[in-house]
N, C-alpha and C. Protein backbone atom coordinates (compact mmCIF):
# COMPACT_ATOMS: atom_id res chain seq x y z
N UNK A 1 52.54 48.70 -9.49
CA UNK A 1 51.71 47.83 -10.12
C UNK A 1 51.95 46.87 -10.51
N UNK A 2 50.99 45.82 -10.66
CA UNK A 2 51.66 44.55 -11.54
C UNK A 2 51.06 44.87 -13.05
N UNK A 3 51.48 44.08 -14.28
CA UNK A 3 51.11 44.52 -15.46
C UNK A 3 50.99 43.38 -16.35
N UNK A 4 49.87 43.42 -17.03
CA UNK A 4 49.16 42.64 -17.72
C UNK A 4 50.33 42.15 -18.44
N UNK A 5 50.47 39.97 -18.36
CA UNK A 5 50.72 39.44 -19.26
C UNK A 5 50.90 39.21 -21.00
N UNK A 6 51.11 39.29 -21.63
CA UNK A 6 50.77 39.47 -22.99
C UNK A 6 51.00 38.38 -23.85
N UNK A 7 50.77 37.27 -24.12
CA UNK A 7 51.27 36.14 -25.03
C UNK A 7 51.73 36.27 -26.72
N UNK A 8 52.62 36.51 -26.80
CA UNK A 8 52.68 37.32 -27.91
C UNK A 8 52.51 36.13 -29.55
N UNK A 9 52.21 34.30 -29.12
CA UNK A 9 52.23 34.25 -30.10
C UNK A 9 50.86 33.42 -29.88
N UNK A 10 49.67 32.70 -30.16
CA UNK A 10 49.13 32.01 -29.80
C UNK A 10 49.68 30.75 -29.83
N UNK A 11 49.79 29.56 -29.18
CA UNK A 11 49.82 28.71 -30.01
C UNK A 11 48.72 27.86 -30.61
N UNK A 12 49.52 26.69 -31.63
CA UNK A 12 48.44 25.98 -32.47
C UNK A 12 47.60 25.03 -31.48
N UNK A 13 48.13 24.26 -30.04
CA UNK A 13 47.50 23.96 -29.44
C UNK A 13 46.94 24.25 -28.28
N UNK A 14 46.74 25.26 -28.87
CA UNK A 14 45.62 26.50 -27.79
C UNK A 14 44.26 26.17 -28.68
N UNK A 15 44.07 26.52 -29.61
CA UNK A 15 43.32 27.25 -30.07
C UNK A 15 42.30 25.50 -30.23
N UNK A 16 40.58 25.75 -30.17
CA UNK A 16 39.90 25.47 -29.72
C UNK A 16 39.39 24.88 -30.68
N UNK A 17 39.22 23.49 -30.16
CA UNK A 17 38.27 22.80 -31.81
C UNK A 17 36.63 22.24 -31.12
N UNK A 18 36.00 22.40 -32.33
CA UNK A 18 34.41 21.51 -32.06
C UNK A 18 34.56 20.54 -31.55
N UNK A 19 33.83 20.13 -29.94
CA UNK A 19 33.50 18.85 -29.53
C UNK A 19 33.04 18.02 -30.28
N UNK A 20 32.87 16.45 -30.13
CA UNK A 20 32.01 16.01 -31.06
C UNK A 20 30.74 15.42 -30.05
N UNK A 21 29.31 15.74 -30.71
CA UNK A 21 28.88 15.59 -29.94
C UNK A 21 28.04 14.19 -28.42
N UNK A 22 27.36 14.46 -28.07
CA UNK A 22 27.41 13.33 -27.85
C UNK A 22 25.88 12.23 -28.17
N UNK A 23 26.68 11.18 -27.88
CA UNK A 23 24.97 10.24 -28.84
C UNK A 23 24.43 9.72 -27.44
N UNK A 24 23.27 9.84 -27.90
CA UNK A 24 22.35 9.13 -26.40
C UNK A 24 22.73 8.05 -26.28
N UNK A 25 22.87 6.89 -25.65
CA UNK A 25 22.66 6.05 -25.10
C UNK A 25 21.48 5.46 -25.83
N UNK A 26 21.78 3.84 -26.23
CA UNK A 26 20.72 3.24 -26.64
C UNK A 26 19.63 2.53 -25.82
N UNK A 27 20.26 2.37 -24.87
CA UNK A 27 19.84 1.71 -23.60
C UNK A 27 18.96 2.53 -22.62
N UNK A 28 19.26 3.81 -22.98
CA UNK A 28 18.91 4.83 -22.28
C UNK A 28 16.85 4.69 -22.25
N UNK A 29 16.45 4.32 -21.62
CA UNK A 29 14.91 4.15 -21.63
C UNK A 29 13.99 5.54 -21.49
N UNK A 30 13.07 6.16 -22.02
CA UNK A 30 12.42 6.97 -21.91
C UNK A 30 11.67 6.98 -20.05
N UNK A 31 11.40 7.61 -19.33
CA UNK A 31 10.49 7.30 -18.23
C UNK A 31 9.27 7.99 -17.70
N UNK A 32 8.66 8.91 -18.72
CA UNK A 32 7.35 9.08 -18.53
C UNK A 32 6.50 8.09 -19.17
N UNK A 33 5.36 8.18 -18.32
CA UNK A 33 3.95 7.28 -18.91
C UNK A 33 3.80 6.43 -20.17
N UNK A 34 4.30 8.09 -20.79
CA UNK A 34 3.45 7.78 -22.48
C UNK A 34 4.68 6.66 -23.13
N UNK A 35 5.43 7.14 -23.04
CA UNK A 35 6.70 6.70 -23.63
C UNK A 35 6.76 5.29 -23.15
N UNK A 36 6.81 5.04 -22.08
CA UNK A 36 7.05 3.81 -21.74
C UNK A 36 5.81 2.78 -22.43
N UNK A 37 4.39 3.36 -22.00
CA UNK A 37 3.33 2.40 -22.96
C UNK A 37 2.90 2.29 -23.82
N UNK A 38 4.10 3.01 -24.81
CA UNK A 38 3.83 3.24 -26.22
C UNK A 38 5.25 1.86 -26.70
N UNK A 39 6.21 2.39 -25.73
CA UNK A 39 6.99 1.78 -25.43
C UNK A 39 6.83 -0.48 -25.57
N UNK A 40 6.30 -0.25 -24.25
CA UNK A 40 5.99 -1.92 -24.06
C UNK A 40 4.21 -2.32 -24.70
N UNK A 41 3.80 -1.41 -25.05
CA UNK A 41 2.26 -1.81 -25.58
C UNK A 41 2.64 -1.82 -26.84
N UNK A 42 2.67 -0.40 -27.20
CA UNK A 42 1.95 0.03 -28.50
C UNK A 42 1.17 0.87 -28.67
N UNK A 43 -0.23 0.77 -28.32
CA UNK A 43 -0.61 2.57 -27.39
C UNK A 43 -2.02 1.91 -26.57
N UNK A 44 -2.63 2.86 -25.72
CA UNK A 44 -3.73 3.11 -24.94
C UNK A 44 -4.13 2.20 -25.12
N UNK A 45 -5.57 2.23 -26.50
CA UNK A 45 -5.70 1.35 -26.54
C UNK A 45 -5.96 -0.45 -26.37
N UNK A 46 -4.79 -0.58 -27.16
CA UNK A 46 -4.62 -2.10 -27.18
C UNK A 46 -4.64 -2.13 -25.96
N UNK A 47 -3.51 -1.61 -24.73
CA UNK A 47 -3.07 -2.31 -23.82
C UNK A 47 -4.73 -2.34 -23.29
N UNK A 48 -5.61 -1.45 -22.75
CA UNK A 48 -6.87 -1.39 -22.37
C UNK A 48 -7.73 -2.88 -22.66
N UNK A 49 -7.55 -2.75 -24.18
CA UNK A 49 -8.25 -4.09 -24.43
C UNK A 49 -7.48 -5.54 -24.23
N UNK A 50 -6.13 -5.27 -23.65
CA UNK A 50 -5.47 -6.69 -23.05
C UNK A 50 -5.77 -6.31 -21.63
N UNK A 51 -6.05 -5.75 -20.94
CA UNK A 51 -6.44 -5.65 -19.36
C UNK A 51 -7.62 -6.14 -19.20
N UNK A 52 -8.62 -5.66 -19.40
CA UNK A 52 -9.49 -5.63 -19.54
C UNK A 52 -10.63 -7.69 -19.25
N UNK A 53 -9.92 -8.04 -19.95
CA UNK A 53 -10.30 -9.61 -20.03
C UNK A 53 -9.46 -9.96 -18.18
N UNK A 54 -8.47 -9.87 -18.12
CA UNK A 54 -8.00 -10.26 -16.71
C UNK A 54 -8.25 -9.43 -15.40
N UNK A 55 -8.57 -8.11 -15.70
CA UNK A 55 -9.42 -7.23 -14.67
C UNK A 55 -10.55 -7.55 -14.18
N UNK A 56 -11.67 -7.71 -15.20
CA UNK A 56 -12.87 -8.34 -14.87
C UNK A 56 -13.68 -9.11 -13.89
N UNK A 57 -13.92 -8.69 -13.07
CA UNK A 57 -14.37 -9.51 -12.06
C UNK A 57 -15.62 -10.30 -12.46
N UNK A 58 -16.12 -10.93 -11.23
CA UNK A 58 -18.61 -11.45 -12.38
C UNK A 58 -19.50 -10.73 -12.23
N UNK A 59 -19.25 -9.51 -11.33
CA UNK A 59 -20.52 -8.84 -11.39
C UNK A 59 -19.76 -7.54 -13.62
N UNK A 60 -19.26 -7.95 -13.72
CA UNK A 60 -17.88 -6.23 -14.18
C UNK A 60 -17.88 -6.87 -16.09
N UNK A 61 -18.68 -5.99 -16.96
CA UNK A 61 -18.72 -6.58 -18.31
C UNK A 61 -17.58 -6.23 -18.66
N UNK A 62 -17.16 -7.11 -19.58
CA UNK A 62 -16.06 -6.22 -20.14
C UNK A 62 -15.47 -5.34 -21.25
N UNK A 63 -17.10 -5.46 -21.99
CA UNK A 63 -17.15 -4.07 -22.94
C UNK A 63 -16.58 -2.64 -22.35
N UNK A 64 -17.69 -2.37 -20.50
CA UNK A 64 -17.35 -1.55 -20.01
C UNK A 64 -16.44 -1.33 -19.18
N UNK A 65 -15.82 -2.15 -19.24
CA UNK A 65 -14.65 -1.94 -18.39
C UNK A 65 -13.06 -1.57 -19.18
N UNK A 66 -12.99 -2.11 -20.86
CA UNK A 66 -12.49 -1.73 -21.46
C UNK A 66 -12.64 0.04 -21.85
N UNK A 67 -13.97 0.38 -21.09
CA UNK A 67 -14.35 1.66 -21.85
C UNK A 67 -13.70 2.81 -20.52
N UNK A 68 -13.89 2.19 -19.38
CA UNK A 68 -13.12 2.90 -18.33
C UNK A 68 -11.29 3.09 -17.95
N UNK A 69 -11.45 1.87 -19.15
CA UNK A 69 -9.86 1.66 -19.20
C UNK A 69 -9.01 2.79 -19.94
N UNK A 70 -10.03 2.69 -21.58
CA UNK A 70 -9.42 3.94 -22.39
C UNK A 70 -9.53 4.98 -21.76
N UNK A 71 -10.10 5.08 -20.51
CA UNK A 71 -9.81 6.61 -19.95
C UNK A 71 -9.18 7.17 -18.61
N UNK A 72 -8.34 5.42 -17.98
CA UNK A 72 -7.74 6.26 -17.13
C UNK A 72 -6.15 6.63 -17.98
N UNK A 73 -5.17 6.73 -16.85
CA UNK A 73 -4.32 7.67 -16.81
C UNK A 73 -3.38 6.03 -17.55
N UNK A 74 -1.87 6.87 -18.16
CA UNK A 74 -0.95 5.90 -18.65
C UNK A 74 -0.53 5.11 -17.59
N UNK A 75 0.08 5.40 -16.06
CA UNK A 75 0.51 5.04 -14.93
C UNK A 75 -0.54 4.13 -14.91
N UNK A 76 -1.99 4.98 -14.30
CA UNK A 76 -2.56 4.21 -13.65
C UNK A 76 -2.46 2.17 -14.54
N UNK A 77 -1.81 2.74 -15.85
CA UNK A 77 -2.80 1.06 -17.14
C UNK A 77 -1.12 0.98 -17.26
N UNK A 78 -0.31 1.05 -16.58
CA UNK A 78 0.80 0.80 -16.75
C UNK A 78 0.93 -0.58 -15.06
N UNK A 79 0.81 0.05 -14.24
CA UNK A 79 0.78 -0.07 -13.15
C UNK A 79 -0.83 -1.51 -12.99
N UNK A 80 -1.79 -1.57 -13.05
CA UNK A 80 -3.01 -2.27 -13.79
C UNK A 80 -1.74 -4.07 -14.22
N UNK A 81 -1.14 -3.70 -15.98
CA UNK A 81 -0.69 -4.51 -16.45
C UNK A 81 0.57 -4.80 -16.02
N UNK A 82 1.18 -4.47 -14.72
CA UNK A 82 2.74 -5.43 -13.59
C UNK A 82 1.54 -5.92 -12.70
N UNK A 83 -0.09 -5.28 -12.37
CA UNK A 83 -0.43 -6.33 -11.57
C UNK A 83 -1.07 -7.81 -12.30
N UNK A 84 -1.03 -7.73 -12.93
CA UNK A 84 -1.93 -8.60 -14.33
C UNK A 84 -0.71 -10.06 -14.44
N UNK A 85 0.71 -8.79 -14.61
CA UNK A 85 1.84 -10.35 -14.71
C UNK A 85 2.06 -10.67 -13.64
N UNK A 86 1.40 -9.76 -13.08
CA UNK A 86 2.08 -10.64 -11.41
C UNK A 86 0.88 -12.20 -11.62
N UNK A 87 -0.18 -12.05 -11.21
CA UNK A 87 -1.05 -12.23 -10.84
C UNK A 87 -0.90 -14.23 -12.27
N UNK A 88 -0.79 -13.40 -12.96
CA UNK A 88 0.38 -14.55 -14.26
C UNK A 88 0.51 -15.74 -14.45
N UNK A 89 1.96 -15.08 -13.67
CA UNK A 89 3.62 -15.45 -13.33
C UNK A 89 3.22 -16.13 -12.42
N UNK A 90 2.62 -15.78 -11.46
CA UNK A 90 3.19 -16.48 -9.30
C UNK A 90 1.44 -17.58 -9.35
N UNK A 91 0.49 -17.09 -10.37
CA UNK A 91 -0.71 -18.05 -9.75
C UNK A 91 -1.24 -18.26 -10.84
N UNK A 92 -1.43 -17.95 -12.53
CA UNK A 92 -1.89 -18.44 -13.55
C UNK A 92 -3.22 -17.87 -13.57
N UNK A 93 -3.67 -17.26 -12.45
CA UNK A 93 -4.99 -16.80 -12.88
C UNK A 93 -6.20 -15.78 -11.97
N UNK A 94 -6.77 -15.17 -12.20
CA UNK A 94 -7.86 -15.26 -10.55
C UNK A 94 -7.69 -15.73 -9.85
N UNK A 95 -8.88 -17.56 -10.83
CA UNK A 95 -9.35 -18.21 -10.01
C UNK A 95 -8.30 -18.93 -8.99
N UNK A 96 -6.89 -18.94 -9.73
CA UNK A 96 -5.95 -19.55 -8.74
C UNK A 96 -5.41 -18.41 -7.45
N UNK A 97 -5.59 -17.48 -8.12
CA UNK A 97 -5.33 -16.48 -7.31
C UNK A 97 -6.23 -16.61 -5.82
N UNK A 98 -7.28 -17.09 -6.11
CA UNK A 98 -9.02 -16.96 -5.48
C UNK A 98 -8.50 -17.68 -4.38
N UNK A 99 -8.32 -19.26 -5.10
CA UNK A 99 -7.68 -20.06 -4.43
C UNK A 99 -7.01 -20.42 -3.05
N UNK A 100 -5.32 -19.65 -3.63
CA UNK A 100 -5.05 -19.40 -3.01
C UNK A 100 -4.68 -18.51 -1.62
N UNK A 101 -5.41 -18.09 -1.52
CA UNK A 101 -6.04 -16.79 -0.80
C UNK A 101 -6.72 -17.52 0.28
N UNK A 102 -8.01 -18.02 -0.41
CA UNK A 102 -8.56 -18.77 0.93
C UNK A 102 -7.34 -20.16 1.27
N UNK A 103 -7.09 -20.92 0.81
CA UNK A 103 -5.81 -22.26 1.05
C UNK A 103 -4.83 -21.39 2.28
N UNK A 104 -4.70 -20.16 2.14
CA UNK A 104 -3.86 -19.45 3.39
C UNK A 104 -4.20 -19.14 4.30
N UNK A 105 -5.73 -18.57 4.52
CA UNK A 105 -6.95 -17.77 5.34
C UNK A 105 -7.07 -19.27 5.85
N UNK A 106 -6.98 -20.88 4.90
CA UNK A 106 -8.03 -21.98 5.80
C UNK A 106 -9.47 -21.66 6.16
N UNK A 107 -9.70 -21.13 4.08
CA UNK A 107 -11.34 -21.57 4.54
C UNK A 107 -11.45 -21.61 3.51
N UNK A 108 -11.45 -22.61 2.85
CA UNK A 108 -10.98 -23.60 1.33
C UNK A 108 -12.57 -23.84 1.21
N UNK A 109 -13.16 -24.17 2.56
CA UNK A 109 -14.81 -24.63 2.20
C UNK A 109 -15.70 -23.80 2.59
N UNK A 110 -15.01 -22.26 2.83
CA UNK A 110 -16.51 -21.81 3.32
C UNK A 110 -16.25 -20.52 1.59
N UNK A 111 -17.76 -21.34 1.03
CA UNK A 111 -17.94 -20.54 -0.32
C UNK A 111 -18.50 -19.10 0.35
N UNK A 112 -19.30 -18.84 1.31
CA UNK A 112 -19.25 -17.15 1.28
C UNK A 112 -18.14 -16.19 0.99
N UNK A 113 -17.00 -16.48 1.37
CA UNK A 113 -15.99 -16.28 2.08
C UNK A 113 -14.77 -16.33 0.35
N UNK A 114 -15.31 -17.18 -0.76
CA UNK A 114 -15.03 -17.06 -1.34
C UNK A 114 -15.13 -16.75 -2.65
N UNK A 115 -17.03 -16.09 -2.79
CA UNK A 115 -17.26 -15.48 -3.76
C UNK A 115 -16.94 -14.44 -3.49
N UNK A 116 -17.24 -14.23 -2.41
CA UNK A 116 -17.49 -11.92 -1.72
C UNK A 116 -15.93 -11.67 -2.39
N UNK A 117 -14.65 -12.88 -2.40
CA UNK A 117 -13.24 -12.64 -2.91
C UNK A 117 -13.31 -13.14 -4.41
N UNK A 118 -14.40 -13.29 -4.87
CA UNK A 118 -14.71 -12.49 -6.46
C UNK A 118 -15.05 -11.86 -6.62
N UNK A 119 -15.08 -10.84 -5.99
CA UNK A 119 -16.33 -9.37 -6.34
C UNK A 119 -14.98 -8.23 -6.37
N UNK A 120 -13.72 -9.01 -5.52
CA UNK A 120 -13.31 -7.72 -5.40
C UNK A 120 -12.46 -7.67 -6.48
N UNK A 121 -11.55 -6.31 -7.10
CA UNK A 121 -10.93 -6.19 -7.85
C UNK A 121 -9.22 -6.80 -7.86
N UNK A 122 -8.76 -7.31 -8.50
CA UNK A 122 -7.35 -8.04 -8.65
C UNK A 122 -6.55 -7.22 -8.42
N UNK A 123 -6.20 -6.09 -7.91
CA UNK A 123 -5.35 -5.50 -8.00
C UNK A 123 -5.00 -5.96 -5.47
N UNK A 124 -6.36 -5.58 -5.41
CA UNK A 124 -6.40 -5.80 -3.89
C UNK A 124 -6.60 -7.19 -3.63
N UNK A 125 -6.63 -8.17 -4.22
CA UNK A 125 -7.13 -9.49 -4.04
C UNK A 125 -5.67 -10.49 -4.06
N UNK A 126 -4.11 -9.10 -5.06
CA UNK A 126 -2.99 -9.47 -4.97
C UNK A 126 -2.58 -8.83 -3.85
N UNK A 127 -2.76 -7.95 -3.32
CA UNK A 127 -2.46 -8.05 -1.23
C UNK A 127 -2.45 -8.32 -1.05
N UNK A 128 -3.79 -9.33 -0.59
CA UNK A 128 -4.53 -9.88 0.02
C UNK A 128 -3.38 -11.15 -0.09
N UNK A 129 -3.04 -11.56 -0.95
CA UNK A 129 -2.11 -12.99 -1.08
C UNK A 129 -0.86 -12.36 -0.50
N UNK A 130 0.22 -11.41 -1.35
CA UNK A 130 0.99 -10.85 -0.63
C UNK A 130 1.26 -11.01 0.94
N UNK A 131 0.61 -10.33 0.78
CA UNK A 131 -0.03 -9.94 3.22
C UNK A 131 -0.31 -11.44 3.86
N UNK A 132 -0.67 -12.09 3.20
CA UNK A 132 -0.83 -13.07 3.30
C UNK A 132 0.58 -14.01 3.39
N UNK A 133 1.40 -14.42 2.54
CA UNK A 133 2.36 -15.19 2.46
C UNK A 133 3.60 -14.95 3.24
N UNK A 134 2.94 -12.97 2.95
CA UNK A 134 4.18 -12.29 4.66
C UNK A 134 3.66 -12.54 6.59
N UNK A 135 2.93 -12.99 6.47
CA UNK A 135 1.81 -13.37 7.78
C UNK A 135 2.03 -15.32 7.70
N UNK A 136 2.51 -15.68 6.41
CA UNK A 136 2.12 -17.51 6.78
C UNK A 136 3.72 -17.86 6.91
N UNK A 137 4.52 -16.63 6.49
CA UNK A 137 6.77 -16.95 7.20
C UNK A 137 6.45 -16.57 8.22
N UNK A 138 6.09 -15.40 9.11
CA UNK A 138 6.29 -14.86 10.35
C UNK A 138 5.95 -15.94 11.35
N UNK A 139 4.71 -16.40 11.09
CA UNK A 139 4.29 -17.75 11.25
C UNK A 139 5.12 -19.01 11.93
């Protein structure tokens, strides 16, 4: 039979010391939508008020849209904020986006088409513009 080896004395280096607590990195951003919304825009009501005017189409009332946006989820509001920022940076606004879509489709003189585009939502218009740009690259 094997015998159990036991140390005669515990060395001082073998004593366990408490490890220092890990500090959270300052660059780590919150991943859930509520924290991202609060970090980027302050509050949900502030973001809804900010998004209401750019998202309103010709037939929508801004106050009604603001009330509907206040009831939307945080993730939806963050997506809409990204859409509005993209439209502002790439095209300058809703009217310029509609003009760019009409020019890409060679329908700048077709007023019925342009008024129909005015009734569509801003995310839908952005999708039309990006798909038109991809189509133009392939042709």
